């Protein structure tokens, strides 16, 4: 009888051990699943990123557009940029000198991967460079000037937007310095001076309207080329010294929360978020949108512009605006409420376009294949 109890005790002990082991295995699997989901939500930094990259964006040394390579000896790095004041990536200000005249100097921005020789970051950087190099210069798109390369890494070179990213720029005016030209009812404007100045130390309502129009103008250019930005936000919108806007940071690997590649419709929705942030002076809302509920109208926002945001957030694909619709909206809005700055915006963009062409001519003399 005593052997029977001993035998049953051993069996029960073994069953207890088996149950405990099974519980540990299940818990470990759940933790691993949570970690994988966390990686996907962080930005798909593992293999899914490579799956989302275009097939021709592999990290092949022969993929760079060689005619855009800048002679590294022409470039002098001199100041790292705080990422809070610009867009993402390791950013450095550099002086670019012409080979024929060492006294002619141009300030440019150099972007490199966070981690040297990181395979995925290198592929993303190369994809962005190749895509931007195929675009014609546009005053609302950050001009890609080329790249420099050494044995360790490749770095892209762009024009330098002196004002940093738009979110950082506008937050400086949250406490003081902003001139609100919107009426208390938020249905009209009190505008005495319709001069759209280039003073980087001042900001007013017509500047916000100009920024919104310029972003829609740049995004319309990309949309007509069937290019999806995938990461449109004020962090990836920069401002130059004349208050003209440059869109940057095209991201081929950005996905929705479900891991699916984003589309042009997501760009429109992101544009509405940009508008909300612009008319909140760079402040982001903690309020979440769900079940058809939109973010509240910003205090500095005209009710018609808020209606535009709602159209951009519309869940019905047939009713979502295009960026051309947004351009037309702002043109009509400015005309309707006598905000006569359209011609001033056009003049600024024409001048910005001319400056970009001069910039490219300067850089062409610094190419690696150019002989002095």
Protein backbone atom coordinates (compact mmCIF):
# COMPACT_ATOMS: atom_id res chain seq x y z
CA UNK A 1 0.00 0.00 0.00
CA UNK A 2 2.83 2.36 0.89
CA UNK A 3 4.35 1.80 -2.59
CA UNK A 4 1.05 2.85 -4.16
CA UNK A 5 1.08 6.22 -2.36
CA UNK A 6 4.73 6.75 -3.23
CA UNK A 7 3.99 5.95 -6.90
CA UNK A 8 0.99 8.34 -7.01
CA UNK A 9 3.05 11.06 -5.33
CA UNK A 10 5.74 10.76 -7.99
CA UNK A 11 3.12 10.91 -10.77
CA UNK A 12 1.48 14.03 -9.30
CA UNK A 13 4.88 15.70 -8.88
CA UNK A 14 5.76 14.99 -12.51
CA UNK A 15 2.39 16.36 -13.69
CA UNK A 16 3.02 19.52 -11.67
CA UNK A 17 6.44 19.95 -13.30
CA UNK A 18 4.94 19.44 -16.80
CA UNK A 19 2.19 22.02 -16.18
CA UNK A 20 4.78 24.49 -14.88
CA UNK A 21 6.97 23.99 -17.96
CA UNK A 22 4.01 24.46 -20.31
CA UNK A 23 3.07 27.69 -18.54
CA UNK A 24 6.62 29.03 -18.89
CA UNK A 25 6.72 28.17 -22.61
CA UNK A 26 3.38 29.89 -23.28
CA UNK A 27 4.45 33.00 -21.37
CA UNK A 28 7.72 33.19 -23.31
CA UNK A 29 5.87 32.92 -26.63
CA UNK A 30 3.49 35.70 -25.62
CA UNK A 31 6.42 37.91 -24.65
CA UNK A 32 8.13 37.24 -27.98
CA UNK A 33 4.91 38.05 -29.83
CA UNK A 34 4.62 41.30 -27.92
CA UNK A 35 8.22 42.20 -28.75
CA UNK A 36 7.61 41.53 -32.45
CA UNK A 37 4.51 43.71 -32.44
CA UNK A 38 6.49 46.39 -30.63
CA UNK A 39 9.18 46.28 -33.33
CA UNK A 40 6.54 46.63 -36.06
CA UNK A 41 4.89 49.59 -34.33
CA UNK A 42 8.26 51.29 -33.78
CA UNK A 43 8.77 51.48 -37.52
CA UNK A 44 9.38 47.97 -38.80
CA UNK A 45 13.09 48.01 -38.09
CA UNK A 46 13.47 44.29 -38.85
CA UNK A 47 12.91 42.29 -42.04
CA UNK A 48 9.46 43.78 -42.85
CA UNK A 49 11.25 47.04 -43.72
CA UNK A 50 13.22 45.35 -46.47
CA UNK A 51 10.05 43.75 -47.77
CA UNK A 52 8.48 47.19 -48.10
CA UNK A 53 11.46 48.72 -49.87
CA UNK A 54 11.26 48.82 -53.67
CA UNK A 55 12.94 45.85 -55.32
CA UNK A 56 15.67 48.05 -56.78
CA UNK A 57 16.70 49.63 -53.46
CA UNK A 58 19.06 46.91 -52.29
CA UNK A 59 22.31 47.95 -50.67
CA UNK A 60 24.33 47.49 -53.83
CA UNK A 61 27.33 49.76 -54.27
CA UNK A 62 26.49 50.15 -57.95
CA UNK A 63 23.04 51.57 -57.22
CA UNK A 64 24.13 55.13 -56.45
CA UNK A 65 23.62 57.67 -59.25
CA UNK A 66 27.36 58.17 -59.82
CA UNK A 67 26.95 61.47 -61.66
CA UNK A 68 25.66 62.97 -58.39
CA UNK A 69 28.68 62.03 -56.29
CA UNK A 70 30.33 65.04 -54.68
CA UNK A 71 34.09 65.14 -54.17
CA UNK A 72 34.60 64.60 -50.45
CA UNK A 73 37.56 67.00 -50.48
CA UNK A 74 35.15 69.81 -51.40
CA UNK A 75 33.13 69.25 -48.23
CA UNK A 76 34.10 70.48 -44.78
CA UNK A 77 31.91 69.34 -41.87
CA UNK A 78 31.71 71.90 -39.11
CA UNK A 79 28.57 71.63 -36.95
CA UNK A 80 26.21 68.86 -35.84
CA UNK A 81 22.52 69.76 -35.89
CA UNK A 82 20.19 69.02 -33.00
CA UNK A 83 17.50 66.64 -34.32
CA UNK A 84 14.89 68.60 -32.38
CA UNK A 85 15.38 71.52 -34.71
CA UNK A 86 15.44 69.57 -37.95
CA UNK A 87 14.20 66.25 -39.28
CA UNK A 88 15.36 62.75 -38.37
CA UNK A 89 18.84 61.34 -39.01
CA UNK A 90 22.39 62.30 -38.11
CA UNK A 91 22.65 65.82 -39.49
CA UNK A 92 25.71 67.98 -39.98
CA UNK A 93 26.21 71.42 -41.45
CA UNK A 94 29.00 71.53 -43.99
CA UNK A 95 30.82 74.05 -46.15
CA UNK A 96 30.94 73.16 -49.82
CA UNK A 97 33.77 74.75 -51.81
CA UNK A 98 34.06 74.96 -55.57
CA UNK A 99 37.12 73.32 -57.05
CA UNK A 100 37.87 76.25 -59.33
CA UNK A 101 37.50 78.88 -56.60
CA UNK A 102 38.25 77.88 -53.03
CA UNK A 103 36.80 81.17 -51.77
CA UNK A 104 33.27 80.42 -53.03
CA UNK A 105 31.53 78.66 -50.15
CA UNK A 106 28.02 77.27 -49.81
CA UNK A 107 26.39 75.96 -46.62
CA UNK A 108 24.72 72.57 -47.12
CA UNK A 109 23.18 69.88 -44.95
CA UNK A 110 24.69 66.39 -44.77
CA UNK A 111 22.56 63.46 -43.62
CA UNK A 112 23.94 60.09 -42.56
CA UNK A 113 22.58 56.91 -40.99
CA UNK A 114 22.35 56.72 -37.20
CA UNK A 115 24.48 53.57 -37.25
CA UNK A 116 27.40 53.29 -39.67
CA UNK A 117 27.07 50.26 -41.98
CA UNK A 118 23.54 49.49 -40.76
CA UNK A 119 22.10 47.58 -43.71
CA UNK A 120 18.52 48.81 -43.43
CA UNK A 121 19.37 52.45 -42.72
CA UNK A 122 21.77 52.46 -45.66
CA UNK A 123 19.03 51.08 -47.93
CA UNK A 124 16.54 53.71 -46.75
CA UNK A 125 19.04 56.52 -47.22
CA UNK A 126 19.98 55.27 -50.67
CA UNK A 127 16.33 54.91 -51.69
CA UNK A 128 15.56 58.48 -50.63
CA UNK A 129 18.62 59.77 -52.50
CA UNK A 130 17.77 57.94 -55.70
CA UNK A 131 14.14 59.01 -55.58
CA UNK A 132 14.91 62.66 -54.87
CA UNK A 133 17.61 62.74 -57.56
CA UNK A 134 14.98 61.82 -60.17
CA UNK A 135 12.77 64.78 -59.28
CA UNK A 136 13.03 68.09 -61.06
CA UNK A 137 13.74 71.02 -58.72
CA UNK A 138 10.58 72.24 -56.99
CA UNK A 139 10.48 75.21 -54.60
CA UNK A 140 8.44 73.25 -52.03
CA UNK A 141 10.61 70.11 -52.10
CA UNK A 142 13.98 70.04 -50.34
CA UNK A 143 16.60 69.97 -53.10
CA UNK A 144 18.79 66.87 -53.17
CA UNK A 145 22.30 67.88 -54.22
CA UNK A 146 23.95 64.47 -54.30
CA UNK A 147 26.08 62.36 -51.99
CA UNK A 148 29.57 61.80 -50.66
CA UNK A 149 30.99 58.35 -50.06
CA UNK A 150 33.95 56.82 -48.33
CA UNK A 151 34.76 53.27 -47.30
CA UNK A 152 32.69 53.52 -44.13
CA UNK A 153 29.42 55.02 -45.34
CA UNK A 154 27.42 57.05 -47.82
CA UNK A 155 25.94 60.42 -46.82
CA UNK A 156 23.36 62.46 -48.69
CA UNK A 157 23.77 66.21 -49.27
CA UNK A 158 20.80 68.59 -49.49
CA UNK A 159 20.16 72.30 -49.47
CA UNK A 160 20.18 73.82 -46.00
CA UNK A 161 16.81 75.10 -44.72
CA UNK A 162 17.99 77.69 -42.21
CA UNK A 163 14.78 77.74 -40.14
CA UNK A 164 14.82 74.05 -39.24
CA UNK A 165 11.67 71.99 -39.18
CA UNK A 166 8.35 73.81 -39.15
CA UNK A 167 7.20 72.36 -35.83
CA UNK A 168 10.33 73.57 -34.05
CA UNK A 169 10.09 76.98 -35.74
CA UNK A 170 6.46 77.66 -34.80
CA UNK A 171 6.75 76.51 -31.20
CA UNK A 172 8.98 79.54 -30.57
CA UNK A 173 5.88 81.73 -31.03
CA UNK A 174 3.56 79.88 -28.64
CA UNK A 175 4.27 82.22 -25.74
CA UNK A 176 4.88 85.53 -27.54
CA UNK A 177 5.48 87.12 -30.91
CA UNK A 178 2.49 85.68 -32.80
CA UNK A 179 0.01 88.12 -34.37
CA UNK A 180 -3.46 86.57 -34.48
CA UNK A 181 -5.38 88.06 -37.42
CA UNK A 182 -8.42 85.80 -37.02
CA UNK A 183 -11.65 87.31 -35.69
CA UNK A 184 -13.02 86.13 -32.36
CA UNK A 185 -15.82 84.25 -34.16
CA UNK A 186 -13.16 82.50 -36.30
CA UNK A 187 -15.14 83.22 -39.48
CA UNK A 188 -13.14 86.14 -40.92
CA UNK A 189 -9.83 87.99 -40.68
CA UNK A 190 -8.69 91.38 -39.39
CA UNK A 191 -5.78 92.08 -41.70
CA UNK A 192 -4.40 95.58 -42.06
CA UNK A 193 -0.99 94.76 -43.52
CA UNK A 194 -1.06 92.24 -46.36
CA UNK A 195 2.70 92.14 -46.84
CA UNK A 196 4.00 88.58 -46.59
CA UNK A 197 7.39 89.36 -45.09
CA UNK A 198 10.44 87.12 -44.74
CA UNK A 199 11.21 88.10 -41.15
CA UNK A 200 12.00 84.87 -39.29
CA UNK A 201 11.44 86.63 -35.94
CA UNK A 202 7.75 87.28 -36.59
CA UNK A 203 4.74 85.10 -37.32
CA UNK A 204 1.11 85.90 -38.12
CA UNK A 205 -2.06 84.22 -39.40
CA UNK A 206 -1.31 84.91 -43.07
CA UNK A 207 2.02 83.10 -42.60
CA UNK A 208 0.11 80.03 -41.40
CA UNK A 209 -2.14 80.16 -44.47
CA UNK A 210 0.94 80.50 -46.67
CA UNK A 211 2.59 77.47 -45.01
CA UNK A 212 -0.54 75.37 -45.48
CA UNK A 213 -0.82 76.36 -49.14
CA UNK A 214 2.86 75.62 -49.82
CA UNK A 215 2.69 72.15 -48.26
CA UNK A 216 -0.33 71.28 -50.41
CA UNK A 217 1.58 72.64 -53.43
CA UNK A 218 4.60 70.43 -52.79
CA UNK A 219 2.49 67.37 -52.04
CA UNK A 220 0.44 67.92 -55.19
CA UNK A 221 3.70 67.79 -57.17
CA UNK A 222 4.59 64.44 -55.56
CA UNK A 223 1.07 63.07 -55.95
CA UNK A 224 1.02 63.86 -59.68
CA UNK A 225 4.22 61.81 -60.00
CA UNK A 226 2.49 58.95 -58.11
CA UNK A 227 4.93 59.35 -55.21
CA UNK A 228 3.55 58.63 -51.74
CA UNK A 229 5.38 60.44 -48.95
CA UNK A 230 4.25 58.05 -46.16
CA UNK A 231 5.60 60.22 -43.33
CA UNK A 232 4.17 63.71 -43.86
CA UNK A 233 4.42 65.64 -40.60
CA UNK A 234 5.82 69.00 -39.55
CA UNK A 235 9.04 67.30 -38.46
CA UNK A 236 9.59 66.51 -42.15
CA UNK A 237 8.59 69.98 -43.35
CA UNK A 238 11.37 72.56 -43.23
CA UNK A 239 11.40 76.33 -43.56
CA UNK A 240 13.98 78.43 -45.37
CA UNK A 241 15.12 81.94 -44.48
CA UNK A 242 12.53 83.55 -46.77
CA UNK A 243 9.69 81.58 -45.13
CA UNK A 244 9.31 79.24 -48.07
CA UNK A 245 8.53 75.63 -47.22
CA UNK A 246 10.48 72.50 -48.20
CA UNK A 247 9.08 68.97 -47.84
CA UNK A 248 11.61 66.28 -46.99
CA UNK A 249 11.88 62.84 -45.41
CA UNK A 250 10.19 60.53 -47.94
CA UNK A 251 9.94 57.18 -46.18
CA UNK A 252 9.47 53.98 -48.24
CA UNK A 253 9.17 51.78 -45.14
CA UNK A 254 6.59 53.66 -43.10
CA UNK A 255 3.49 51.52 -42.50
CA UNK A 256 0.11 51.76 -40.87
CA UNK A 257 -0.52 50.34 -37.42
CA UNK A 258 -1.50 47.06 -39.10
CA UNK A 259 1.81 46.75 -40.94
CA UNK A 260 0.39 47.62 -44.37
CA UNK A 261 2.12 50.12 -46.67
CA UNK A 262 0.56 53.55 -46.57
CA UNK A 263 -1.12 55.16 -49.58
CA UNK A 264 -1.85 58.59 -51.04
CA UNK A 265 -5.00 58.70 -48.90
CA UNK A 266 -2.85 58.42 -45.78
CA UNK A 267 -0.81 61.39 -47.05
CA UNK A 268 -4.02 63.44 -47.22
CA UNK A 269 -4.96 62.40 -43.69
CA UNK A 270 -1.46 63.30 -42.50
CA UNK A 271 -1.79 66.66 -44.25
CA UNK A 272 -4.88 67.38 -42.15
CA UNK A 273 -2.84 66.60 -39.04
CA UNK A 274 -0.20 69.04 -40.31
CA UNK A 275 -2.89 71.71 -40.71
CA UNK A 276 -4.12 71.08 -37.18
CA UNK A 277 -0.58 71.44 -35.88
CA UNK A 278 0.11 74.57 -37.96
CA UNK A 279 -2.96 76.37 -36.61
CA UNK A 280 -1.95 75.27 -33.11
CA UNK A 281 1.55 76.80 -33.54
CA UNK A 282 3.27 73.43 -33.54
CA UNK A 283 1.33 72.00 -30.62
CA UNK A 284 0.27 68.37 -31.09
CA UNK A 285 -3.05 67.19 -29.70
CA UNK A 286 -3.30 64.43 -27.08
CA UNK A 287 -6.85 63.81 -28.29
CA UNK A 288 -7.22 60.64 -30.36
CA UNK A 289 -9.47 60.25 -33.38
CA UNK A 290 -11.76 57.22 -33.31
CA UNK A 291 -15.21 56.14 -34.49
CA UNK A 292 -15.54 59.13 -36.80
CA UNK A 293 -14.59 61.63 -34.10
CA UNK A 294 -12.19 64.31 -35.36
CA UNK A 295 -9.79 66.53 -33.46
CA UNK A 296 -11.30 69.75 -32.17
CA UNK A 297 -10.97 72.98 -34.14
CA UNK A 298 -7.77 74.84 -33.16
CA UNK A 299 -8.27 78.28 -31.62
CA UNK A 300 -6.26 79.99 -34.38
CA UNK A 301 -8.03 78.18 -37.21
CA UNK A 302 -10.76 79.59 -39.48
CA UNK A 303 -13.85 77.38 -39.51
CA UNK A 304 -13.54 76.80 -43.30
CA UNK A 305 -9.98 75.48 -42.90
CA UNK A 306 -11.23 73.19 -40.16
CA UNK A 307 -13.89 71.89 -42.59
CA UNK A 308 -11.04 71.13 -45.00
CA UNK A 309 -9.39 69.03 -42.29
CA UNK A 310 -12.63 67.08 -41.86
CA UNK A 311 -12.75 66.38 -45.61
CA UNK A 312 -9.17 65.09 -45.47
CA UNK A 313 -10.03 62.82 -42.54
CA UNK A 314 -13.17 61.47 -44.23
CA UNK A 315 -13.31 57.67 -44.11
CA UNK A 316 -15.20 57.50 -47.41
CA UNK A 317 -12.54 57.16 -50.15
CA UNK A 318 -14.81 58.85 -52.71
CA UNK A 319 -15.09 61.99 -50.57
CA UNK A 320 -11.44 62.39 -49.57
CA UNK A 321 -9.77 65.44 -51.11
CA UNK A 322 -6.73 65.32 -53.38
CA UNK A 323 -3.88 67.77 -52.90
CA UNK A 324 -5.04 69.65 -55.99
CA UNK A 325 -8.41 70.06 -54.23
CA UNK A 326 -6.51 71.51 -51.27
CA UNK A 327 -4.67 73.98 -53.50
CA UNK A 328 -7.96 75.14 -55.01
CA UNK A 329 -9.48 75.40 -51.55
CA UNK A 330 -6.78 77.76 -50.30
CA UNK A 331 -6.89 79.87 -53.45
CA UNK A 332 -10.66 80.26 -53.11
CA UNK A 333 -10.39 80.82 -49.36
CA UNK A 334 -7.85 83.64 -49.78
CA UNK A 335 -9.95 85.27 -52.49
CA UNK A 336 -13.22 84.92 -50.58
CA UNK A 337 -11.87 86.50 -47.39
CA UNK A 338 -9.73 89.10 -49.16
CA UNK A 339 -6.43 87.60 -47.98
CA UNK A 340 -4.55 88.89 -51.00
CA UNK A 341 -1.25 87.08 -50.65
CA UNK A 342 -1.45 84.60 -53.54
CA UNK A 343 0.72 86.71 -55.87
CA UNK A 344 3.25 87.23 -53.06
CA UNK A 345 3.44 83.48 -52.45
CA UNK A 346 3.93 82.86 -56.17
CA UNK A 347 6.74 85.44 -56.32
CA UNK A 348 8.47 83.87 -53.32
CA UNK A 349 8.25 80.40 -54.87
CA UNK A 350 9.57 81.64 -58.21
CA UNK A 351 12.56 83.21 -56.46
CA UNK A 352 13.08 80.04 -54.41
CA UNK A 353 13.07 78.02 -57.64
CA UNK A 354 15.72 80.30 -59.16
CA UNK A 355 17.86 79.94 -56.03
CA UNK A 356 17.61 76.16 -56.24
CA UNK A 357 18.84 76.24 -59.85
CA UNK A 358 21.82 78.41 -58.83
CA UNK A 359 22.48 75.98 -56.00
CA UNK A 360 22.60 73.02 -58.37
CA UNK A 361 24.91 74.88 -60.76
CA UNK A 362 27.27 75.57 -57.86
CA UNK A 363 27.24 71.94 -56.72
CA UNK A 364 27.84 70.62 -60.25
CA UNK A 365 31.31 72.15 -60.12
CA UNK A 366 32.01 70.08 -56.98
CA UNK A 367 31.18 66.69 -58.49
CA UNK A 368 33.77 63.98 -58.21
CA UNK A 369 33.94 63.48 -61.98
CA UNK A 370 34.46 67.19 -62.72
CA UNK A 371 38.04 68.13 -63.61
CA UNK A 372 39.49 71.50 -62.69
